[in-house]
C-alpha atoms as a PDB file:
ATOM      1  CA  MET A   1    -144.741  26.605  25.182  1.00  0.00           C
ATOM      2  CA  ARG A   2    -145.875  24.128  22.582  1.00  0.00           C
ATOM      3  CA  ARG A   3    -145.020  25.030  18.785  1.00  0.00           C
ATOM      4  CA  PHE A   4    -147.780  24.500  16.358  1.00  0.00           C
ATOM      5  CA  PHE A   5    -147.063  24.101  12.716  1.00  0.00           C
ATOM      6  CA  MET A   6    -150.871  24.180  11.680  1.00  0.00           C
ATOM      7  CA  THR A   7    -154.169  25.441  13.322  1.00  0.00           C
ATOM      8  CA  THR A   8    -157.766  26.150  13.231  1.00  0.00           C
ATOM      9  CA  GLU A   9    -160.009  28.399  15.114  1.00  0.00           C
ATOM     10  CA  ARG A  10    -159.572  26.160  18.033  1.00  0.00           C
ATOM     11  CA  LEU A  11    -156.846  23.621  17.608  1.00  0.00           C
ATOM     12  CA  GLY A  12    -152.955  23.602  17.233  1.00  0.00           C
ATOM     13  CA  PHE A  13    -151.258  20.774  15.548  1.00  0.00           C
ATOM     14  CA  SER A  14    -148.037  19.789  17.015  1.00  0.00           C
ATOM     15  CA  LEU A  15    -145.147  17.160  16.527  1.00  0.00           C
ATOM     16  CA  TRP A  16    -144.783  14.296  18.674  1.00  0.00           C
ATOM     17  CA  THR A  17    -141.439  14.085  20.083  1.00  0.00           C
ATOM     18  CA  ASP A  18    -139.406  11.567  22.403  1.00  0.00           C
ATOM     19  CA  ALA A  19    -140.409  14.200  25.350  1.00  0.00           C
ATOM     20  CA  ASP A  20    -143.992  13.321  24.901  1.00  0.00           C
ATOM     21  CA  ALA A  21    -144.263  10.039  26.779  1.00  0.00           C
ATOM     22  CA  GLN A  22    -146.582  11.673  29.277  1.00  0.00           C
ATOM     23  CA  LEU A  23    -148.844  12.927  26.689  1.00  0.00           C
ATOM     24  CA  ALA A  24    -148.752   9.612  24.853  1.00  0.00           C
ATOM     25  CA  ARG A  25    -150.064   7.696  27.922  1.00  0.00           C
ATOM     26  CA  CYS A  26    -152.699  10.310  28.746  1.00  0.00           C
ATOM     27  CA  LEU A  27    -154.183   9.613  25.141  1.00  0.00           C
ATOM     28  CA  TRP A  28    -153.361   5.928  24.497  1.00  0.00           C
ATOM     29  CA  GLY A  29    -153.412   4.780  28.150  1.00  0.00           C
ATOM     30  CA  ASP A  30    -157.137   5.866  28.244  1.00  0.00           C
ATOM     31  CA  PRO A  31    -159.167   2.787  27.478  1.00  0.00           C
ATOM     32  CA  GLU A  32    -162.162   4.835  26.149  1.00  0.00           C
ATOM     33  CA  VAL A  33    -159.851   5.851  23.376  1.00  0.00           C
ATOM     34  CA  THR A  34    -158.223   2.655  22.681  1.00  0.00           C
ATOM     35  CA  ARG A  35    -161.382   0.312  23.128  1.00  0.00           C
ATOM     36  CA  LEU A  36    -162.026   0.143  19.505  1.00  0.00           C
ATOM     37  CA  ILE A  37    -158.427   0.496  17.901  1.00  0.00           C
ATOM     38  CA  CYS A  38    -156.953  -2.829  19.541  1.00  0.00           C
ATOM     39  CA  ALA A  39    -158.231  -6.326  20.037  1.00  0.00           C
ATOM     40  CA  SER A  40    -157.765  -6.126  23.852  1.00  0.00           C
ATOM     41  CA  GLY A  41    -159.257  -2.684  23.994  1.00  0.00           C
ATOM     42  CA  VAL A  42    -156.271  -1.384  25.859  1.00  0.00           C
ATOM     43  CA  PHE A  43    -152.519  -0.532  25.212  1.00  0.00           C
ATOM     44  CA  THR A  44    -149.951  -1.719  27.425  1.00  0.00           C
ATOM     45  CA  PRO A  45    -147.352   0.620  28.556  1.00  0.00           C
ATOM     46  CA  GLU A  46    -144.901  -1.014  26.086  1.00  0.00           C
ATOM     47  CA  GLU A  47    -147.615  -0.762  23.141  1.00  0.00           C
ATOM     48  CA  ILE A  48    -148.099   3.146  24.027  1.00  0.00           C
ATOM     49  CA  ALA A  49    -144.093   3.718  23.853  1.00  0.00           C
ATOM     50  CA  SER A  50    -144.282   1.873  20.512  1.00  0.00           C
ATOM     51  CA  ARG A  51    -147.177   3.810  19.208  1.00  0.00           C
ATOM     52  CA  LEU A  52    -145.336   6.940  20.152  1.00  0.00           C
ATOM     53  CA  LYS A  53    -142.242   5.735  18.343  1.00  0.00           C
ATOM     54  CA  LEU A  54    -144.134   4.721  15.519  1.00  0.00           C
ATOM     55  CA  GLU A  55    -145.570   8.337  15.014  1.00  0.00           C
ATOM     56  CA  ILE A  56    -141.952  10.050  15.498  1.00  0.00           C
ATOM     57  CA  THR A  57    -140.520   7.552  12.969  1.00  0.00           C
ATOM     58  CA  ASN A  58    -143.417   8.385  10.259  1.00  0.00           C
ATOM     59  CA  GLY A  59    -142.653  12.036  10.962  1.00  0.00           C
ATOM     60  CA  GLU A  60    -139.022  11.531  10.203  1.00  0.00           C
ATOM     61  CA  LYS A  61    -139.330   8.929   7.262  1.00  0.00           C
ATOM     62  CA  PHE A  62    -142.620  10.361   5.688  1.00  0.00           C
ATOM     63  CA  GLY A  63    -143.244  13.888   6.944  1.00  0.00           C
ATOM     64  CA  VAL A  64    -146.604  12.844   8.502  1.00  0.00           C
ATOM     65  CA  GLN A  65    -147.718  11.556  11.857  1.00  0.00           C
ATOM     66  CA  TYR A  66    -150.992  11.427  13.784  1.00  0.00           C
ATOM     67  CA  TRP A  67    -150.026  14.671  15.033  1.00  0.00           C
ATOM     68  CA  PRO A  68    -150.898  15.726  18.594  1.00  0.00           C
ATOM     69  CA  VAL A  69    -153.864  18.198  18.655  1.00  0.00           C
ATOM     70  CA  PHE A  70    -154.228  20.819  21.519  1.00  0.00           C
ATOM     71  CA  MET A  71    -156.777  23.387  22.431  1.00  0.00           C
ATOM     72  CA  LEU A  72    -155.536  26.568  21.617  1.00  0.00           C
ATOM     73  CA  GLY A  73    -157.024  28.410  24.693  1.00  0.00           C
ATOM     74  CA  ALA A  74    -156.050  26.173  27.429  1.00  0.00           C
ATOM     75  CA  GLY A  75    -153.290  24.202  25.864  1.00  0.00           C
ATOM     76  CA  GLU A  76    -154.688  20.888  26.709  1.00  0.00           C
ATOM     77  CA  LEU A  77    -154.059  17.989  24.582  1.00  0.00           C
ATOM     78  CA  ALA A  78    -157.484  17.021  22.667  1.00  0.00           C
ATOM     79  CA  GLY A  79    -156.007  13.970  21.097  1.00  0.00           C
ATOM     80  CA  CYS A  80    -154.325  13.395  17.725  1.00  0.00           C
ATOM     81  CA  CYS A  81    -155.248  13.635  14.034  1.00  0.00           C
ATOM     82  CA  GLY A  82    -153.224  13.070  11.128  1.00  0.00           C
ATOM     83  CA  LEU A  83    -151.921  11.035   8.316  1.00  0.00           C
ATOM     84  CA  ARG A  84    -149.800   7.872   7.945  1.00  0.00           C
ATOM     85  CA  PRO A  85    -148.492   6.157   4.849  1.00  0.00           C
ATOM     86  CA  GLY A  86    -151.190   4.018   3.192  1.00  0.00           C
ATOM     87  CA  SER A  87    -151.032   0.405   2.465  1.00  0.00           C
ATOM     88  CA  ALA A  88    -150.517   1.107  -1.128  1.00  0.00           C
ATOM     89  CA  GLY A  89    -147.795   3.215  -0.522  1.00  0.00           C
ATOM     90  CA  GLY A  90    -146.973   6.260  -2.650  1.00  0.00           C
ATOM     91  CA  CYS A  91    -148.754   9.686  -2.041  1.00  0.00           C
ATOM     92  CA  VAL A  92    -152.101   8.020  -0.819  1.00  0.00           C
ATOM     93  CA  PHE A  93    -152.087   8.665   2.827  1.00  0.00           C
ATOM     94  CA  GLU A  94    -154.544   7.283   5.513  1.00  0.00           C
ATOM     95  CA  LEU A  95    -156.369   9.961   7.708  1.00  0.00           C
ATOM     96  CA  GLY A  96    -156.819   8.753  11.299  1.00  0.00           C
ATOM     97  CA  PHE A  97    -157.830  10.588  14.641  1.00  0.00           C
ATOM     98  CA  HIS A  98    -157.954   9.425  18.167  1.00  0.00           C
ATOM     99  CA  LEU A  99    -159.638  11.888  20.602  1.00  0.00           C
ATOM    100  CA  ARG A 100    -159.850  12.022  24.490  1.00  0.00           C
ATOM    101  CA  PRO A 101    -163.519  11.202  25.808  1.00  0.00           C
ATOM    102  CA  ALA A 102    -163.701  14.998  27.053  1.00  0.00           C
ATOM    103  CA  PHE A 103    -163.467  16.423  23.694  1.00  0.00           C
ATOM    104  CA  TRP A 104    -166.010  13.984  21.965  1.00  0.00           C
ATOM    105  CA  ARG A 105    -169.222  15.437  20.549  1.00  0.00           C
ATOM    106  CA  GLN A 106    -167.783  19.055  20.223  1.00  0.00           C
ATOM    107  CA  GLY A 107    -167.000  19.116  16.469  1.00  0.00           C
ATOM    108  CA  ILE A 108    -163.223  18.880  17.296  1.00  0.00           C
ATOM    109  CA  GLY A 109    -162.993  15.626  15.195  1.00  0.00           C
ATOM    110  CA  PHE A 110    -164.438  17.156  12.246  1.00  0.00           C
ATOM    111  CA  GLU A 111    -162.489  20.459  12.709  1.00  0.00           C
ATOM    112  CA  ALA A 112    -159.188  18.677  12.881  1.00  0.00           C
ATOM    113  CA  ALA A 113    -159.834  16.022  10.172  1.00  0.00           C
ATOM    114  CA  SER A 114    -161.027  18.889   7.708  1.00  0.00           C
ATOM    115  CA  ARG A 115    -157.649  20.956   8.416  1.00  0.00           C
ATOM    116  CA  VAL A 116    -155.590  17.663   7.916  1.00  0.00           C
ATOM    117  CA  ILE A 117    -157.491  16.983   4.716  1.00  0.00           C
ATOM    118  CA  ARG A 118    -156.724  20.414   3.342  1.00  0.00           C
ATOM    119  CA  TYR A 119    -153.122  20.008   4.269  1.00  0.00           C
ATOM    120  CA  ALA A 120    -152.854  16.605   2.611  1.00  0.00           C
ATOM    121  CA  PHE A 121    -154.266  18.020  -0.537  1.00  0.00           C
ATOM    122  CA  GLU A 122    -153.065  21.541  -0.911  1.00  0.00           C
ATOM    123  CA  THR A 123    -149.680  21.276   0.722  1.00  0.00           C
ATOM    124  CA  LEU A 124    -148.571  17.539   0.171  1.00  0.00           C
ATOM    125  CA  GLY A 125    -150.288  17.363  -3.169  1.00  0.00           C
ATOM    126  CA  ALA A 126    -151.974  13.800  -2.250  1.00  0.00           C
ATOM    127  CA  PRO A 127    -154.103  12.644  -4.983  1.00  0.00           C
ATOM    128  CA  ALA A 128    -156.572  10.775  -2.583  1.00  0.00           C
ATOM    129  CA  LEU A 129    -156.690   9.779   1.102  1.00  0.00           C
ATOM    130  CA  THR A 130    -158.040   6.544   2.630  1.00  0.00           C
ATOM    131  CA  ALA A 131    -159.539   5.930   5.994  1.00  0.00           C
ATOM    132  CA  GLY A 132    -160.961   3.232   8.100  1.00  0.00           C
ATOM    133  CA  HIS A 133    -162.813   2.403  11.442  1.00  0.00           C
ATOM    134  CA  ASN A 134    -163.707  -0.307  13.660  1.00  0.00           C
ATOM    135  CA  PRO A 135    -167.219  -1.583  12.393  1.00  0.00           C
ATOM    136  CA  ARG A 136    -168.691  -0.926  15.815  1.00  0.00           C
ATOM    137  CA  ASN A 137    -167.655   2.839  15.853  1.00  0.00           C
ATOM    138  CA  GLU A 138    -170.711   4.723  14.335  1.00  0.00           C
ATOM    139  CA  GLY A 139    -168.984   7.958  15.273  1.00  0.00           C
ATOM    140  CA  SER A 140    -166.362   7.370  13.138  1.00  0.00           C
ATOM    141  CA  ARG A 141    -168.458   6.067  10.269  1.00  0.00           C
ATOM    142  CA  ALA A 142    -170.720   9.305  10.430  1.00  0.00           C
ATOM    143  CA  LEU A 143    -167.581  11.617  10.629  1.00  0.00           C
ATOM    144  CA  LEU A 144    -165.841  10.146   7.469  1.00  0.00           C
ATOM    145  CA  LEU A 145    -169.168  10.314   5.589  1.00  0.00           C
ATOM    146  CA  LYS A 146    -169.677  13.955   6.635  1.00  0.00           C
ATOM    147  CA  LEU A 147    -165.947  14.800   5.429  1.00  0.00           C
ATOM    148  CA  GLY A 148    -166.999  13.417   1.957  1.00  0.00           C
ATOM    149  CA  PHE A 149    -165.080  10.021   2.190  1.00  0.00           C
ATOM    150  CA  VAL A 150    -166.831   7.195   0.094  1.00  0.00           C
ATOM    151  CA  HIS A 151    -166.975   3.570   1.340  1.00  0.00           C
ATOM    152  CA  THR A 152    -164.980   1.289  -0.924  1.00  0.00           C
ATOM    153  CA  HIS A 153    -164.505  -1.975   0.700  1.00  0.00           C
ATOM    154  CA  ASP A 154    -164.113  -3.699   4.053  1.00  0.00           C
ATOM    155  CA  GLU A 155    -160.427  -4.819   4.739  1.00  0.00           C
ATOM    156  CA  PHE A 156    -159.134  -7.069   7.504  1.00  0.00           C
ATOM    157  CA  TYR A 157    -157.238  -4.887  10.225  1.00  0.00           C
ATOM    158  CA  ALA A 158    -154.734  -6.960  12.100  1.00  0.00           C
ATOM    159  CA  PRO A 159    -154.936  -4.829  15.381  1.00  0.00           C
ATOM    160  CA  THR A 160    -158.437  -5.479  16.148  1.00  0.00           C
ATOM    161  CA  GLY A 161    -159.019  -8.831  14.174  1.00  0.00           C
ATOM    162  CA  LEU A 162    -161.974  -7.420  12.355  1.00  0.00           C
ATOM    163  CA  MET A 163    -163.076  -6.429   8.934  1.00  0.00           C
ATOM    164  CA  HIS A 164    -163.007  -2.601   8.822  1.00  0.00           C
ATOM    165  CA  PRO A 165    -165.160  -0.604   6.589  1.00  0.00           C
ATOM    166  CA  THR A 166    -162.574   1.454   4.283  1.00  0.00           C
ATOM    167  CA  TYR A 167    -163.176   4.698   2.512  1.00  0.00           C
ATOM    168  CA  ARG A 168    -161.536   6.956   0.010  1.00  0.00           C
ATOM    169  CA  LEU A 169    -161.515  10.596  -0.743  1.00  0.00           C
ATOM    170  CA  GLU A 170    -160.343  11.862  -4.009  1.00  0.00           C
ATOM    171  CA  ALA A 171    -158.629  15.225  -4.154  1.00  0.00           C
ATOM    172  CA  SER A 172    -160.519  16.128  -7.348  1.00  0.00           C
ATOM    173  CA  ARG A 173    -163.869  15.497  -5.630  1.00  0.00           C
ATOM    174  CA  TRP A 174    -162.684  17.599  -2.420  1.00  0.00           C
ATOM    175  CA  ARG A 175    -161.513  20.486  -4.693  1.00  0.00           C
ATOM    176  CA  THR A 176    -164.865  20.547  -6.280  1.00  0.00           C
ATOM    177  CA  ASP A 177    -166.654  20.389  -3.113  1.00  0.00           C
ATOM    178  CA  HIS A 178    -164.528  23.202  -1.474  1.00  0.00           C
ATOM    179  CA  ALA A 179    -164.388  25.386  -4.654  1.00  0.00           C
END
């Protein structure tokens, strides 16, 4: 049975471990998941293993990951959603999410990201969050705006070789909106 450190009505958040290679392949081995997050559109087996190791390392060093997210009822992996250290360092984390196609357009991304934002501001005391997306990913753009993020600039993202729209959400604004 998977242990969850955080939940929503439908979702359970867990931690990536070395034992999760099969789950990592299920998520990042799906070209529908990776088509907009890397230049080739597909992760090699080595890149999947490296991504899993990165998430585990981020958890150990910074206390955050793009945590694996499971459906509470069935226990099925829906994807991942979480935080990673931002490029500016400090306590400004970057929000990110990758969902398996079977879970698209069901409000799961919004539900998961909303819970991670609350965790970042209420538990970690982050002053702000950043997020970005592939310029061709309209779904991610719409979700970030719905979550309250504000576009600040476009930034080069080496894994895709593209300029990605970049957003910011201030804790003070979030608290006002959720008072």
